[in-house]
Amino acid sequence: MDFNIDKCNIKTMDIEQIRTFLSVAANGSFLEAANRLYVTQSTVSTRIQRLEAYLGVTLFVRNRSGATLTLPGRRFLRHAKSLLLTLEQARHDIGLPSRFRGSISIGARIALCETLLPEWIGEIRQAMPDISIRSDIGFEDDLMRSLVAGALDIGLMYTPQHSPGLQIEHLFDETLVLLTTDPKQPWPNDDYIYVDWAPGFYAQHSNSYPNLERPAQVVNIGWMAVQLILAQGRGSSFLPVRLAEPLLQAGTLFPVADSPQFKLPAYMVSQRDNDAPVLQQVLTQIRALATLERQKVYPRPPQSSVADAT
């Protein structure tokens, strides 16, 4: 390992070095860490070298398969998580008005932010009016990166990635149904909009429609499919019943006859070792709200059997 580094940098350890260490440890690769942190691979290498110089140990063994933590690296991992959590919590709390006893940050996929998260945050605020809540929308990669870095306390998503130090909990299952603006029109047709919900959905969709050609319209979020249908005045797509219920009730969308339904599991991801009282209380609240969501009954097309897309 090259320790020929500016001596003024050896004497300090900054938050970006800790973020970078955690990202390399989580992804097992300097290159993948660079991609997830939106920096160059050389920047990642420099940060790790400076951190190793400060600690006086080698944290990673680099080889063709990636980067593996050394024994000192594994020992430092727990401390790095604690340091980052403490720094992030301090950043949140320093400017917090005295009427709040703590803060929490929650990020979610846009489909889960549609009606669900605002309702849940309303319930949390009513039960815990003395906490400050930051809400973010993002895709799984962004949410997981923020969770690993300690910049996000709770993530709600469909396809979480397993990472050391994070706990993943199943909340409920979305029911995806094939809906159309014109139930009399033969399906499939050129108005079909494919939503890239998750790998599990892709597998079940391919099994159910093995001969279906690539649709003319493909989107990565259900919200965009709904907007395209409303803007064009026609179309079909697999959408969560929860999200589409108002359009079903209004007669804007109708189920496609004899079409399958798919389950899309929704998960909650949080820091495993963070025992902060505010976080634990919010997690408990979300678990209770998820239980109520599982008990809800939404109107569903009666002709289909549910296929599990997990």
Protein backbone atom coordinates (compact mmCIF):
# COMPACT_ATOMS: atom_id res chain seq x y z
CA MET A 1 0.00 0.00 0.00
CA ASP A 2 1.31 3.43 -0.96
CA PHE A 3 1.52 5.75 2.06
CA ASN A 4 3.17 8.58 0.12
CA ILE A 5 0.29 10.94 0.86
CA ASP A 6 0.18 14.57 1.90
CA LYS A 7 0.93 14.48 5.65
CA CYS A 8 -1.72 17.10 6.43
CA ASN A 9 -4.34 14.63 5.19
CA ILE A 10 -3.02 11.75 7.30
CA LYS A 11 -3.88 13.60 10.51
CA THR A 12 -7.60 13.89 9.74
CA MET A 13 -10.49 11.57 8.97
CA ASP A 14 -13.48 13.15 7.25
CA ILE A 15 -17.04 12.05 6.63
CA GLU A 16 -16.47 11.39 2.90
CA GLN A 17 -13.73 8.90 3.74
CA ILE A 18 -16.16 7.08 6.04
CA ARG A 19 -18.93 7.14 3.41
CA THR A 20 -16.50 5.77 0.84
CA PHE A 21 -15.26 3.03 3.17
CA LEU A 22 -18.82 1.90 3.87
CA SER A 23 -19.70 1.93 0.17
CA VAL A 24 -16.67 -0.19 -0.77
CA ALA A 25 -17.45 -2.59 2.09
CA ALA A 26 -21.11 -2.86 1.04
CA ASN A 27 -20.40 -3.36 -2.67
CA GLY A 28 -17.12 -5.27 -2.49
CA SER A 29 -15.63 -3.15 -5.25
CA PHE A 30 -13.82 0.17 -5.60
CA LEU A 31 -15.35 0.63 -9.06
CA GLU A 32 -18.90 -0.08 -7.91
CA ALA A 33 -18.42 2.24 -4.93
CA ALA A 34 -17.24 4.96 -7.32
CA ASN A 35 -20.33 4.46 -9.50
CA ARG A 36 -22.67 4.66 -6.53
CA LEU A 37 -20.95 7.70 -5.05
CA TYR A 38 -20.72 9.46 -8.45
CA VAL A 39 -16.96 9.95 -8.17
CA THR A 40 -13.98 8.51 -10.03
CA GLN A 41 -12.33 5.26 -9.01
CA SER A 42 -9.12 7.16 -8.29
CA THR A 43 -11.05 9.38 -5.85
CA VAL A 44 -12.27 6.29 -4.03
CA SER A 45 -8.75 4.88 -3.91
CA THR A 46 -7.33 8.15 -2.56
CA ARG A 47 -9.96 8.39 0.16
CA ILE A 48 -9.35 4.82 1.28
CA GLN A 49 -5.58 5.33 1.24
CA ARG A 50 -5.91 8.43 3.42
CA LEU A 51 -8.21 6.61 5.81
CA GLU A 52 -5.81 3.68 6.01
CA ALA A 53 -2.93 6.09 6.60
CA TYR A 54 -4.85 7.79 9.41
CA LEU A 55 -5.75 4.47 11.06
CA GLY A 56 -2.36 2.90 10.37
CA VAL A 57 -3.85 -0.33 9.00
CA THR A 58 -4.84 -1.89 5.69
CA LEU A 59 -8.64 -1.99 5.41
CA PHE A 60 -9.11 -3.88 2.12
CA VAL A 61 -7.43 -6.60 0.12
CA ARG A 62 -7.88 -5.81 -3.58
CA ASN A 63 -7.88 -8.60 -6.16
CA ARG A 64 -9.56 -9.54 -9.43
CA SER A 65 -12.82 -10.38 -7.68
CA GLY A 66 -13.04 -6.95 -6.02
CA ALA A 67 -12.22 -5.69 -2.55
CA THR A 68 -12.45 -7.74 0.65
CA LEU A 69 -12.28 -6.38 4.18
CA THR A 70 -9.22 -7.29 6.20
CA LEU A 71 -9.54 -8.20 9.86
CA PRO A 72 -8.86 -4.56 10.89
CA GLY A 73 -11.34 -3.51 8.21
CA ARG A 74 -14.03 -5.74 9.69
CA ARG A 75 -13.28 -4.34 13.13
CA PHE A 76 -13.53 -0.76 11.84
CA LEU A 77 -16.82 -1.43 10.02
CA ARG A 78 -18.96 -1.20 13.16
CA HIS A 79 -17.21 1.97 14.29
CA ALA A 80 -17.56 3.55 10.83
CA LYS A 81 -21.30 2.98 10.88
CA SER A 82 -21.60 4.45 14.35
CA LEU A 83 -19.44 7.46 13.42
CA LEU A 84 -21.49 8.20 10.31
CA LEU A 85 -24.80 7.79 12.10
CA THR A 86 -23.61 10.10 14.86
CA LEU A 87 -22.40 12.74 12.41
CA GLU A 88 -25.58 12.59 10.33
CA GLN A 89 -27.76 12.76 13.43
CA ALA A 90 -25.76 15.73 14.66
CA ARG A 91 -26.22 17.46 11.31
CA HIS A 92 -29.97 16.90 11.54
CA ASP A 93 -30.28 17.95 15.17
CA ILE A 94 -28.00 20.98 15.41
CA GLY A 95 -30.39 23.30 13.60
CA LEU A 96 -33.52 21.68 14.98
CA PRO A 97 -35.93 24.07 16.73
CA SER A 98 -36.35 23.45 20.45
CA ARG A 99 -39.94 22.29 20.01
CA PHE A 100 -38.66 19.11 18.31
CA ARG A 101 -36.96 16.34 20.29
CA GLY A 102 -35.53 14.69 17.20
CA SER A 103 -35.61 14.26 13.44
CA ILE A 104 -36.11 11.41 11.01
CA SER A 105 -35.61 11.04 7.25
CA ILE A 106 -37.80 8.73 5.15
CA GLY A 107 -37.33 7.93 1.47
CA ALA A 108 -39.62 5.92 -0.80
CA ARG A 109 -40.36 4.87 -4.36
CA ILE A 110 -42.79 7.24 -6.05
CA ALA A 111 -45.57 4.61 -6.22
CA LEU A 112 -45.36 4.25 -2.44
CA CYS A 113 -45.39 8.03 -2.08
CA GLU A 114 -48.67 8.15 -4.00
CA THR A 115 -51.31 8.49 -1.24
CA LEU A 116 -49.62 5.92 1.03
CA LEU A 117 -46.58 7.76 2.42
CA PRO A 118 -48.41 11.09 2.89
CA GLU A 119 -51.11 9.28 4.84
CA TRP A 120 -48.54 7.44 6.93
CA ILE A 121 -46.55 10.57 7.67
CA GLY A 122 -49.78 12.27 8.70
CA GLU A 123 -50.44 9.45 11.16
CA ILE A 124 -46.85 9.60 12.46
CA ARG A 125 -47.06 13.39 12.91
CA GLN A 126 -50.31 13.03 14.80
CA ALA A 127 -48.81 10.42 17.12
CA MET A 128 -45.41 12.15 17.38
CA PRO A 129 -45.89 15.90 16.82
CA ASP A 130 -42.55 16.69 18.46
CA ILE A 131 -40.36 15.21 15.71
CA SER A 132 -39.20 16.70 12.41
CA ILE A 133 -39.64 14.53 9.30
CA ARG A 134 -37.80 14.83 5.99
CA SER A 135 -39.39 12.97 3.05
CA ASP A 136 -37.55 12.03 -0.16
CA ILE A 137 -38.52 10.24 -3.38
CA GLY A 138 -36.00 8.00 -5.11
CA PHE A 139 -35.25 4.74 -6.85
CA GLU A 140 -33.91 1.71 -5.02
CA ASP A 141 -30.26 2.39 -5.88
CA ASP A 142 -30.46 5.95 -4.59
CA LEU A 143 -32.36 4.96 -1.46
CA MET A 144 -29.97 2.10 -0.65
CA ARG A 145 -26.95 4.34 -1.19
CA SER A 146 -28.37 6.92 1.21
CA LEU A 147 -29.18 4.22 3.77
CA VAL A 148 -25.66 2.77 3.60
CA ALA A 149 -24.18 6.26 3.88
CA GLY A 150 -26.37 7.08 6.89
CA ALA A 151 -28.04 10.00 5.11
CA LEU A 152 -31.42 8.24 5.23
CA ASP A 153 -33.02 6.61 8.27
CA ILE A 154 -35.83 4.62 6.61
CA GLY A 155 -36.36 3.49 3.03
CA LEU A 156 -39.60 2.11 1.57
CA MET A 157 -39.10 0.21 -1.68
CA TYR A 158 -39.90 -2.84 -3.80
CA THR A 159 -36.47 -4.36 -4.50
CA PRO A 160 -34.04 -3.72 -1.61
CA GLN A 161 -30.45 -4.89 -1.80
CA HIS A 162 -29.04 -6.81 1.13
CA SER A 163 -26.24 -4.88 2.78
CA PRO A 164 -24.34 -5.36 6.06
CA GLY A 165 -25.82 -3.27 8.84
CA LEU A 166 -29.25 -2.85 7.23
CA GLN A 167 -32.40 -4.71 8.20
CA ILE A 168 -35.11 -5.46 5.64
CA GLU A 169 -38.72 -6.00 6.69
CA HIS A 170 -41.66 -7.02 4.51
CA LEU A 171 -44.52 -4.56 4.90
CA PHE A 172 -47.30 -5.63 2.52
CA ASP A 173 -47.93 -6.82 -1.03
CA GLU A 174 -49.13 -4.58 -3.81
CA THR A 175 -51.58 -6.28 -6.19
CA LEU A 176 -50.77 -5.41 -9.80
CA VAL A 177 -53.68 -5.72 -12.22
CA LEU A 178 -53.87 -5.16 -15.96
CA LEU A 179 -56.10 -2.15 -16.56
CA THR A 180 -57.23 -0.49 -19.78
CA THR A 181 -59.25 2.50 -20.93
CA ASP A 182 -61.22 0.33 -23.38
CA PRO A 183 -62.18 -3.16 -22.13
CA LYS A 184 -63.81 -3.98 -25.49
CA GLN A 185 -60.58 -3.55 -27.43
CA PRO A 186 -58.60 -6.78 -28.01
CA TRP A 187 -55.48 -7.09 -25.90
CA PRO A 188 -52.49 -6.95 -26.35
CA ASN A 189 -52.32 -3.91 -28.60
CA ASP A 190 -50.02 -0.99 -29.41
CA ASP A 191 -51.47 1.08 -26.54
CA TYR A 192 -49.95 -1.21 -23.89
CA ILE A 193 -47.47 0.52 -21.56
CA TYR A 194 -44.99 -1.80 -19.85
CA VAL A 195 -43.87 -0.72 -16.38
CA ASP A 196 -40.52 -2.03 -15.18
CA TRP A 197 -41.75 -2.70 -11.66
CA ALA A 198 -39.12 -5.19 -10.49
CA PRO A 199 -37.19 -8.29 -11.63
CA GLY A 200 -39.85 -10.51 -10.09
CA PHE A 201 -42.55 -8.76 -12.08
CA TYR A 202 -40.52 -9.17 -15.27
CA ALA A 203 -40.20 -12.91 -14.67
CA GLN A 204 -43.91 -13.44 -14.01
CA HIS A 205 -44.89 -11.14 -16.90
CA SER A 206 -42.62 -13.12 -19.27
CA ASN A 207 -44.07 -16.43 -18.06
CA SER A 208 -47.63 -15.19 -18.56
CA TYR A 209 -46.96 -13.58 -21.95
CA PRO A 210 -44.01 -15.50 -23.48
CA ASN A 211 -44.84 -14.43 -27.05
CA LEU A 212 -45.53 -10.76 -26.34
CA GLU A 213 -43.35 -8.44 -28.40
CA ARG A 214 -41.62 -5.46 -26.81
CA PRO A 215 -44.36 -2.86 -26.19
CA ALA A 216 -44.24 0.46 -27.98
CA GLN A 217 -44.12 2.26 -24.63
CA VAL A 218 -41.90 1.30 -21.68
CA VAL A 219 -41.56 3.30 -18.44
CA ASN A 220 -39.73 2.77 -15.15
CA ILE A 221 -42.43 4.07 -12.79
CA GLY A 222 -46.17 3.44 -12.61
CA TRP A 223 -46.89 7.14 -12.17
CA MET A 224 -45.57 7.81 -15.67
CA ALA A 225 -47.79 5.07 -17.12
CA VAL A 226 -50.83 6.69 -15.52
CA GLN A 227 -49.83 10.12 -16.85
CA LEU A 228 -49.36 8.74 -20.38
CA ILE A 229 -52.75 7.05 -20.29
CA LEU A 230 -54.47 10.20 -19.05
CA ALA A 231 -52.64 12.44 -21.57
CA GLN A 232 -53.30 10.15 -24.53
CA GLY A 233 -56.83 9.27 -23.49
CA ARG A 234 -56.16 5.57 -24.10
CA GLY A 235 -53.84 2.81 -23.01
CA SER A 236 -53.34 -0.17 -20.73
CA SER A 237 -50.83 -1.10 -18.07
CA PHE A 238 -50.22 -3.22 -14.98
CA LEU A 239 -50.85 -0.93 -12.00
CA PRO A 240 -51.30 -1.41 -8.24
CA VAL A 241 -54.97 -1.60 -7.32
CA ARG A 242 -54.22 0.81 -4.46
CA LEU A 243 -52.87 3.38 -6.90
CA ALA A 244 -55.53 2.84 -9.58
CA GLU A 245 -58.58 2.69 -7.28
CA PRO A 246 -59.72 6.29 -7.98
CA LEU A 247 -59.49 5.69 -11.74
CA LEU A 248 -61.41 2.43 -11.40
CA GLN A 249 -64.12 4.11 -9.34
CA ALA A 250 -64.35 6.98 -11.86
CA GLY A 251 -64.72 4.59 -14.79
CA THR A 252 -61.51 5.82 -16.40
CA LEU A 253 -59.84 2.41 -16.24
CA PHE A 254 -61.24 -1.12 -16.46
CA PRO A 255 -59.75 -4.58 -15.87
CA VAL A 256 -58.67 -6.55 -18.92
CA ALA A 257 -60.68 -9.78 -18.99
CA ASP A 258 -58.89 -13.03 -18.10
CA SER A 259 -55.64 -11.28 -17.27
CA PRO A 260 -53.40 -12.44 -14.41
CA GLN A 261 -52.61 -10.46 -11.31
CA PHE A 262 -49.18 -10.22 -9.73
CA LYS A 263 -47.97 -9.52 -6.21
CA LEU A 264 -45.30 -6.88 -5.73
CA PRO A 265 -43.87 -6.98 -2.18
CA ALA A 266 -43.10 -3.66 -0.49
CA TYR A 267 -40.30 -3.52 2.07
CA MET A 268 -38.94 -1.23 4.77
CA VAL A 269 -35.16 -0.88 5.16
CA SER A 270 -33.49 0.73 8.16
CA GLN A 271 -30.21 0.80 10.09
CA ARG A 272 -29.85 -2.41 12.08
CA ASP A 273 -27.65 -0.96 14.85
CA ASN A 274 -29.38 2.40 15.26
CA ASP A 275 -31.30 2.18 18.53
CA ALA A 276 -32.20 5.89 18.67
CA PRO A 277 -35.60 6.18 20.45
CA VAL A 278 -37.12 8.40 17.74
CA LEU A 279 -36.19 5.97 14.97
CA GLN A 280 -37.47 2.96 16.89
CA GLN A 281 -40.78 4.70 17.61
CA VAL A 282 -41.25 5.60 13.93
CA LEU A 283 -40.40 2.05 12.85
CA THR A 284 -43.00 0.70 15.27
CA GLN A 285 -45.54 3.17 13.89
CA ILE A 286 -44.85 2.16 10.28
CA ARG A 287 -45.16 -1.53 11.14
CA ALA A 288 -48.59 -0.85 12.65
CA LEU A 289 -49.65 1.17 9.60
CA ALA A 290 -48.47 -1.63 7.31
CA THR A 291 -50.61 -4.08 9.25
CA LEU A 292 -53.64 -1.88 8.58
CA GLU A 293 -52.69 -1.69 4.89
CA ARG A 294 -52.60 -5.49 4.68
CA GLN A 295 -56.13 -5.59 6.08
CA LYS A 296 -57.57 -3.20 3.50
CA VAL A 297 -59.76 -4.59 0.75
CA TYR A 298 -59.47 -2.89 -2.63
CA PRO A 299 -61.78 -3.62 -5.59
CA ARG A 300 -60.16 -6.34 -7.66
CA PRO A 301 -61.12 -7.97 -10.96
CA PRO A 302 -62.79 -11.25 -9.99
CA GLN A 303 -61.70 -13.32 -12.99
CA SER A 304 -57.99 -13.70 -12.26
CA SER A 305 -55.83 -15.81 -10.03
CA VAL A 306 -52.99 -14.13 -8.19
CA ALA A 307 -49.46 -15.11 -9.22
CA ASP A 308 -46.64 -14.42 -6.81
CA ALA A 309 -43.98 -12.17 -8.36
CA THR A 310 -41.47 -12.40 -5.54
